[in-house]
Amino acid sequence: MAVKVIQMEETNRCDLCGYRSEGGFLDRARHLKKEHPQYAKGLLFRIAAPGIFLIEVLIMAAIHAPEWAFLVALFSSFGLLFFGKQRSRAERRQAGVRPTLSLKRLVQEGGLGFMLIAPVIALVLVALSKR
């Protein structure tokens, strides 16, 4: 039980500056936006990239775009994801912490998106090959 309490306390602390959040998600988001704006932008790009990709695919499917356009959507969204990842890693490095989260922590705190990105890309490629 003590291990869980310690882990929860660690997740309520800012990795970059050690700020202890007593609130929930909104408090942590406000702190990041105010104290670490570049890191917050990088995270926003990373979070928004899959959603933007899905919107692009839906729009292109609705207008019956050519197959190569779907690849443009894939690579543009991947570019947004990559840029966000590089921005957030640079900010973490600048703050003196490890540039990436450990795999265990990544899966615990946001693993669903991490685990779904490869199958989504595979499904898109399969759908494109059947067209």
N, C-alpha and C. Protein backbone atom coordinates (compact mmCIF):
# COMPACT_ATOMS: atom_id res chain seq x y z
N MET A 1 0.82 -1.19 0.00
CA MET A 1 0.00 0.00 0.00
C MET A 1 0.87 1.26 0.00
N ALA A 2 1.97 1.21 0.73
CA ALA A 2 2.85 2.38 0.81
C ALA A 2 3.47 2.69 -0.55
N VAL A 3 3.72 1.65 -1.32
CA VAL A 3 4.30 1.85 -2.64
C VAL A 3 3.36 2.64 -3.53
N LYS A 4 2.07 2.32 -3.50
CA LYS A 4 1.08 3.04 -4.30
C LYS A 4 1.00 4.51 -3.91
N VAL A 5 1.05 4.80 -2.61
CA VAL A 5 0.99 6.18 -2.14
C VAL A 5 2.19 6.95 -2.64
N ILE A 6 3.36 6.36 -2.58
CA ILE A 6 4.58 7.02 -3.06
C ILE A 6 4.47 7.27 -4.56
N GLN A 7 3.98 6.28 -5.33
CA GLN A 7 3.85 6.47 -6.76
C GLN A 7 2.86 7.58 -7.08
N MET A 8 1.76 7.67 -6.35
CA MET A 8 0.78 8.72 -6.60
C MET A 8 1.37 10.09 -6.29
N GLU A 9 2.18 10.19 -5.21
CA GLU A 9 2.80 11.46 -4.88
C GLU A 9 3.77 11.88 -5.97
N GLU A 10 4.49 10.91 -6.55
CA GLU A 10 5.43 11.22 -7.61
C GLU A 10 4.71 11.71 -8.86
N THR A 11 3.54 11.16 -9.16
CA THR A 11 2.83 11.58 -10.36
C THR A 11 2.19 12.96 -10.18
N ASN A 12 2.03 13.42 -8.94
CA ASN A 12 1.49 14.74 -8.68
C ASN A 12 2.58 15.81 -8.66
N ARG A 13 3.79 15.44 -8.96
CA ARG A 13 4.90 16.38 -9.00
C ARG A 13 5.30 16.64 -10.45
N CYS A 14 5.66 17.88 -10.72
CA CYS A 14 6.15 18.24 -12.05
C CYS A 14 7.54 17.65 -12.22
N ASP A 15 7.75 16.94 -13.30
CA ASP A 15 9.07 16.36 -13.57
C ASP A 15 10.12 17.43 -13.81
N LEU A 16 9.72 18.56 -14.32
CA LEU A 16 10.68 19.59 -14.72
C LEU A 16 11.15 20.47 -13.56
N CYS A 17 10.24 20.78 -12.63
CA CYS A 17 10.63 21.70 -11.56
C CYS A 17 10.28 21.22 -10.16
N GLY A 18 9.57 20.11 -10.04
CA GLY A 18 9.23 19.57 -8.73
C GLY A 18 7.97 20.16 -8.11
N TYR A 19 7.24 21.00 -8.83
CA TYR A 19 5.99 21.59 -8.32
C TYR A 19 5.04 20.49 -7.90
N ARG A 20 4.52 20.61 -6.70
CA ARG A 20 3.58 19.59 -6.19
C ARG A 20 2.16 20.07 -6.42
N SER A 21 1.42 19.31 -7.18
CA SER A 21 0.04 19.65 -7.52
C SER A 21 -0.90 19.04 -6.50
N GLU A 22 -1.71 19.88 -5.90
CA GLU A 22 -2.73 19.39 -4.98
C GLU A 22 -4.04 19.16 -5.71
N GLY A 23 -4.16 19.71 -6.88
CA GLY A 23 -5.38 19.58 -7.67
C GLY A 23 -5.29 18.42 -8.63
N GLY A 24 -6.15 18.45 -9.60
CA GLY A 24 -6.20 17.38 -10.59
C GLY A 24 -5.51 17.77 -11.87
N PHE A 25 -6.05 17.27 -12.95
CA PHE A 25 -5.46 17.47 -14.27
C PHE A 25 -5.38 18.95 -14.64
N LEU A 26 -6.44 19.70 -14.38
CA LEU A 26 -6.46 21.12 -14.77
C LEU A 26 -5.38 21.92 -14.06
N ASP A 27 -5.13 21.61 -12.79
CA ASP A 27 -4.08 22.31 -12.06
C ASP A 27 -2.71 22.02 -12.68
N ARG A 28 -2.48 20.77 -13.01
CA ARG A 28 -1.19 20.41 -13.63
C ARG A 28 -1.06 21.04 -15.02
N ALA A 29 -2.16 21.08 -15.77
CA ALA A 29 -2.13 21.68 -17.11
C ALA A 29 -1.85 23.19 -17.01
N ARG A 30 -2.49 23.87 -16.06
CA ARG A 30 -2.23 25.31 -15.87
C ARG A 30 -0.78 25.55 -15.50
N HIS A 31 -0.24 24.70 -14.63
CA HIS A 31 1.16 24.85 -14.23
C HIS A 31 2.07 24.70 -15.45
N LEU A 32 1.85 23.68 -16.27
CA LEU A 32 2.69 23.48 -17.45
C LEU A 32 2.59 24.66 -18.40
N LYS A 33 1.37 25.13 -18.63
CA LYS A 33 1.18 26.25 -19.56
C LYS A 33 1.87 27.53 -19.06
N LYS A 34 1.82 27.75 -17.74
CA LYS A 34 2.40 28.96 -17.17
C LYS A 34 3.91 28.87 -17.01
N GLU A 35 4.39 27.78 -16.45
CA GLU A 35 5.81 27.66 -16.10
C GLU A 35 6.68 27.03 -17.19
N HIS A 36 6.09 26.20 -18.02
CA HIS A 36 6.85 25.48 -19.06
C HIS A 36 6.09 25.54 -20.38
N PRO A 37 5.93 26.72 -20.97
CA PRO A 37 5.07 26.84 -22.17
C PRO A 37 5.56 26.03 -23.37
N GLN A 38 6.85 25.96 -23.59
CA GLN A 38 7.36 25.20 -24.74
C GLN A 38 7.12 23.70 -24.56
N TYR A 39 7.29 23.22 -23.36
CA TYR A 39 7.02 21.82 -23.06
C TYR A 39 5.54 21.53 -23.26
N ALA A 40 4.69 22.43 -22.80
CA ALA A 40 3.24 22.26 -22.95
C ALA A 40 2.85 22.23 -24.43
N LYS A 41 3.49 23.07 -25.26
CA LYS A 41 3.20 23.05 -26.70
C LYS A 41 3.62 21.72 -27.32
N GLY A 42 4.78 21.22 -26.91
CA GLY A 42 5.23 19.93 -27.41
C GLY A 42 4.26 18.82 -27.05
N LEU A 43 3.78 18.83 -25.82
CA LEU A 43 2.79 17.83 -25.41
C LEU A 43 1.49 17.97 -26.18
N LEU A 44 1.08 19.19 -26.39
CA LEU A 44 -0.15 19.43 -27.15
C LEU A 44 -0.04 18.88 -28.57
N PHE A 45 1.10 19.11 -29.22
CA PHE A 45 1.32 18.57 -30.57
C PHE A 45 1.25 17.05 -30.55
N ARG A 46 1.86 16.45 -29.54
CA ARG A 46 1.87 14.99 -29.46
C ARG A 46 0.48 14.43 -29.23
N ILE A 47 -0.30 15.11 -28.41
CA ILE A 47 -1.65 14.65 -28.10
C ILE A 47 -2.59 14.87 -29.28
N ALA A 48 -2.42 15.98 -29.98
CA ALA A 48 -3.33 16.34 -31.07
C ALA A 48 -3.06 15.57 -32.36
N ALA A 49 -1.86 15.09 -32.58
CA ALA A 49 -1.49 14.47 -33.85
C ALA A 49 -2.40 13.31 -34.27
N PRO A 50 -2.70 12.34 -33.41
CA PRO A 50 -3.60 11.25 -33.84
C PRO A 50 -5.00 11.74 -34.19
N GLY A 51 -5.53 12.67 -33.43
CA GLY A 51 -6.86 13.21 -33.72
C GLY A 51 -6.89 13.96 -35.03
N ILE A 52 -5.85 14.74 -35.29
CA ILE A 52 -5.76 15.47 -36.56
C ILE A 52 -5.68 14.48 -37.72
N PHE A 53 -4.93 13.41 -37.52
CA PHE A 53 -4.82 12.39 -38.57
C PHE A 53 -6.20 11.79 -38.88
N LEU A 54 -6.94 11.45 -37.84
CA LEU A 54 -8.28 10.87 -38.07
C LEU A 54 -9.20 11.86 -38.77
N ILE A 55 -9.14 13.12 -38.41
CA ILE A 55 -9.96 14.13 -39.08
C ILE A 55 -9.57 14.24 -40.55
N GLU A 56 -8.25 14.27 -40.81
CA GLU A 56 -7.78 14.34 -42.20
C GLU A 56 -8.28 13.14 -43.01
N VAL A 57 -8.19 11.96 -42.43
CA VAL A 57 -8.63 10.75 -43.14
C VAL A 57 -10.13 10.79 -43.41
N LEU A 58 -10.90 11.21 -42.42
CA LEU A 58 -12.35 11.29 -42.63
C LEU A 58 -12.72 12.28 -43.73
N ILE A 59 -12.06 13.44 -43.74
CA ILE A 59 -12.33 14.44 -44.77
C ILE A 59 -11.94 13.91 -46.14
N MET A 60 -10.77 13.28 -46.24
CA MET A 60 -10.32 12.77 -47.53
C MET A 60 -11.19 11.62 -48.02
N ALA A 61 -11.66 10.80 -47.10
CA ALA A 61 -12.56 9.71 -47.50
C ALA A 61 -13.89 10.28 -47.99
N ALA A 62 -14.36 11.34 -47.34
CA ALA A 62 -15.63 11.96 -47.74
C ALA A 62 -15.56 12.58 -49.12
N ILE A 63 -14.39 13.12 -49.48
CA ILE A 63 -14.26 13.76 -50.79
C ILE A 63 -13.65 12.82 -51.83
N HIS A 64 -13.47 11.55 -51.44
CA HIS A 64 -12.91 10.52 -52.33
C HIS A 64 -11.55 10.94 -52.90
N ALA A 65 -10.66 11.32 -52.00
CA ALA A 65 -9.32 11.75 -52.38
C ALA A 65 -8.52 10.55 -52.92
N PRO A 66 -7.52 10.81 -53.74
CA PRO A 66 -6.68 9.71 -54.24
C PRO A 66 -5.88 9.07 -53.09
N GLU A 67 -5.42 7.87 -53.34
CA GLU A 67 -4.72 7.10 -52.31
C GLU A 67 -3.49 7.81 -51.76
N TRP A 68 -2.74 8.48 -52.61
CA TRP A 68 -1.52 9.13 -52.15
C TRP A 68 -1.82 10.24 -51.14
N ALA A 69 -3.01 10.81 -51.18
CA ALA A 69 -3.37 11.87 -50.24
C ALA A 69 -3.44 11.33 -48.81
N PHE A 70 -3.83 10.08 -48.67
CA PHE A 70 -3.87 9.49 -47.34
C PHE A 70 -2.47 9.36 -46.75
N LEU A 71 -1.51 9.08 -47.60
CA LEU A 71 -0.12 9.01 -47.12
C LEU A 71 0.38 10.40 -46.72
N VAL A 72 -0.05 11.42 -47.44
CA VAL A 72 0.31 12.79 -47.06
C VAL A 72 -0.25 13.10 -45.67
N ALA A 73 -1.48 12.68 -45.41
CA ALA A 73 -2.08 12.89 -44.09
C ALA A 73 -1.30 12.14 -43.02
N LEU A 74 -0.91 10.92 -43.32
CA LEU A 74 -0.15 10.12 -42.37
C LEU A 74 1.18 10.79 -42.04
N PHE A 75 1.90 11.21 -43.06
CA PHE A 75 3.21 11.80 -42.81
C PHE A 75 3.12 13.19 -42.19
N SER A 76 2.10 13.96 -42.52
CA SER A 76 1.96 15.27 -41.89
C SER A 76 1.64 15.13 -40.41
N SER A 77 0.78 14.18 -40.07
CA SER A 77 0.47 13.94 -38.66
C SER A 77 1.67 13.36 -37.93
N PHE A 78 2.40 12.48 -38.60
CA PHE A 78 3.61 11.94 -37.99
C PHE A 78 4.62 13.06 -37.76
N GLY A 79 4.72 14.00 -38.69
CA GLY A 79 5.62 15.14 -38.52
C GLY A 79 5.24 15.97 -37.31
N LEU A 80 3.95 16.19 -37.11
CA LEU A 80 3.49 16.93 -35.94
C LEU A 80 3.83 16.18 -34.66
N LEU A 81 3.64 14.87 -34.67
CA LEU A 81 3.98 14.04 -33.52
C LEU A 81 5.48 14.09 -33.25
N PHE A 82 6.28 13.98 -34.31
CA PHE A 82 7.74 14.00 -34.17
C PHE A 82 8.21 15.35 -33.64
N PHE A 83 7.68 16.44 -34.19
CA PHE A 83 8.07 17.77 -33.73
C PHE A 83 7.71 17.97 -32.26
N GLY A 84 6.54 17.52 -31.85
CA GLY A 84 6.14 17.62 -30.45
C GLY A 84 7.04 16.82 -29.55
N LYS A 85 7.41 15.63 -30.01
CA LYS A 85 8.30 14.78 -29.20
C LYS A 85 9.68 15.42 -29.06
N GLN A 86 10.20 15.97 -30.14
CA GLN A 86 11.51 16.62 -30.07
C GLN A 86 11.47 17.85 -29.16
N ARG A 87 10.41 18.63 -29.24
CA ARG A 87 10.25 19.83 -28.41
C ARG A 87 10.19 19.46 -26.93
N SER A 88 9.39 18.45 -26.60
CA SER A 88 9.25 18.07 -25.20
C SER A 88 10.54 17.43 -24.68
N ARG A 89 11.23 16.65 -25.50
CA ARG A 89 12.51 16.08 -25.08
C ARG A 89 13.55 17.17 -24.83
N ALA A 90 13.59 18.17 -25.70
CA ALA A 90 14.54 19.26 -25.53
C ALA A 90 14.27 20.03 -24.23
N GLU A 91 13.01 20.26 -23.93
CA GLU A 91 12.65 20.97 -22.70
C GLU A 91 12.99 20.15 -21.47
N ARG A 92 12.78 18.84 -21.54
CA ARG A 92 13.14 17.98 -20.40
C ARG A 92 14.65 17.96 -20.21
N ARG A 93 15.39 17.89 -21.30
CA ARG A 93 16.85 17.92 -21.22
C ARG A 93 17.33 19.24 -20.61
N GLN A 94 16.72 20.33 -21.03
CA GLN A 94 17.08 21.65 -20.54
C GLN A 94 16.79 21.78 -19.03
N ALA A 95 15.76 21.10 -18.57
CA ALA A 95 15.42 21.14 -17.15
C ALA A 95 16.30 20.22 -16.31
N GLY A 96 17.12 19.40 -16.97
CA GLY A 96 18.04 18.53 -16.26
C GLY A 96 17.46 17.18 -15.86
N VAL A 97 16.36 16.78 -16.49
CA VAL A 97 15.79 15.47 -16.21
C VAL A 97 15.95 14.58 -17.43
N ARG A 98 15.67 13.31 -17.25
CA ARG A 98 15.79 12.34 -18.34
C ARG A 98 14.89 12.77 -19.51
N PRO A 99 15.41 12.80 -20.74
CA PRO A 99 14.63 13.31 -21.88
C PRO A 99 13.39 12.51 -22.20
N THR A 100 13.35 11.24 -21.85
CA THR A 100 12.17 10.42 -22.11
C THR A 100 11.73 9.74 -20.83
N LEU A 101 10.46 9.40 -20.78
CA LEU A 101 9.96 8.62 -19.65
C LEU A 101 10.37 7.17 -19.84
N SER A 102 10.50 6.45 -18.74
CA SER A 102 10.79 5.03 -18.85
C SER A 102 9.59 4.33 -19.47
N LEU A 103 9.81 3.18 -20.07
CA LEU A 103 8.73 2.44 -20.73
C LEU A 103 7.64 2.10 -19.73
N LYS A 104 8.02 1.69 -18.52
CA LYS A 104 7.05 1.34 -17.50
C LYS A 104 6.15 2.54 -17.16
N ARG A 105 6.75 3.69 -16.98
CA ARG A 105 5.97 4.88 -16.63
C ARG A 105 5.13 5.35 -17.83
N LEU A 106 5.66 5.22 -19.02
CA LEU A 106 4.92 5.59 -20.21
C LEU A 106 3.64 4.76 -20.34
N VAL A 107 3.75 3.46 -20.12
CA VAL A 107 2.59 2.59 -20.21
C VAL A 107 1.61 2.90 -19.08
N GLN A 108 2.12 3.17 -17.87
CA GLN A 108 1.24 3.47 -16.74
C GLN A 108 0.48 4.77 -16.93
N GLU A 109 1.14 5.79 -17.45
CA GLU A 109 0.53 7.12 -17.50
C GLU A 109 -0.12 7.47 -18.83
N GLY A 110 0.21 6.80 -19.88
CA GLY A 110 -0.39 7.16 -21.16
C GLY A 110 -0.23 6.07 -22.18
N GLY A 111 -0.25 4.86 -21.71
CA GLY A 111 0.08 3.73 -22.56
C GLY A 111 -0.90 3.41 -23.65
N LEU A 112 -2.16 3.78 -23.49
CA LEU A 112 -3.14 3.41 -24.50
C LEU A 112 -2.79 4.01 -25.86
N GLY A 113 -2.49 5.29 -25.88
CA GLY A 113 -2.10 5.93 -27.14
C GLY A 113 -0.81 5.35 -27.69
N PHE A 114 0.13 5.08 -26.81
CA PHE A 114 1.41 4.51 -27.20
C PHE A 114 1.21 3.13 -27.81
N MET A 115 0.30 2.36 -27.23
CA MET A 115 0.09 0.99 -27.70
C MET A 115 -0.79 0.92 -28.94
N LEU A 116 -1.59 1.95 -29.20
CA LEU A 116 -2.51 1.92 -30.33
C LEU A 116 -1.95 2.51 -31.61
N ILE A 117 -0.88 3.29 -31.54
CA ILE A 117 -0.40 3.99 -32.73
C ILE A 117 0.04 3.01 -33.82
N ALA A 118 0.74 1.95 -33.48
CA ALA A 118 1.20 0.99 -34.49
C ALA A 118 0.03 0.25 -35.15
N PRO A 119 -0.94 -0.27 -34.39
CA PRO A 119 -2.08 -0.93 -35.04
C PRO A 119 -2.90 0.02 -35.92
N VAL A 120 -3.04 1.26 -35.52
CA VAL A 120 -3.79 2.22 -36.33
C VAL A 120 -3.09 2.44 -37.67
N ILE A 121 -1.79 2.62 -37.64
CA ILE A 121 -1.03 2.81 -38.87
C ILE A 121 -1.14 1.56 -39.75
N ALA A 122 -1.06 0.39 -39.13
CA ALA A 122 -1.19 -0.86 -39.90
C ALA A 122 -2.57 -0.97 -40.55
N LEU A 123 -3.62 -0.60 -39.82
CA LEU A 123 -4.97 -0.64 -40.40
C LEU A 123 -5.13 0.33 -41.56
N VAL A 124 -4.55 1.49 -41.43
CA VAL A 124 -4.62 2.47 -42.53
C VAL A 124 -3.91 1.93 -43.76
N LEU A 125 -2.75 1.34 -43.57
CA LEU A 125 -2.01 0.78 -44.71
C LEU A 125 -2.76 -0.38 -45.35
N VAL A 126 -3.41 -1.20 -44.55
CA VAL A 126 -4.21 -2.32 -45.09
C VAL A 126 -5.39 -1.75 -45.87
N ALA A 127 -6.05 -0.75 -45.32
CA ALA A 127 -7.20 -0.14 -46.01
C ALA A 127 -6.76 0.47 -47.33
N LEU A 128 -5.60 1.10 -47.35
CA LEU A 128 -5.10 1.71 -48.59
C LEU A 128 -4.75 0.65 -49.63
N SER A 129 -4.24 -0.49 -49.18
CA SER A 129 -3.84 -1.53 -50.13
C SER A 129 -5.06 -2.21 -50.77
N LYS A 130 -6.22 -2.18 -50.11
CA LYS A 130 -7.42 -2.83 -50.65
C LYS A 130 -8.20 -1.92 -51.58
N ARG A 131 -7.86 -0.68 -51.64
CA ARG A 131 -8.57 0.29 -52.48
C ARG A 131 -8.35 0.06 -53.91
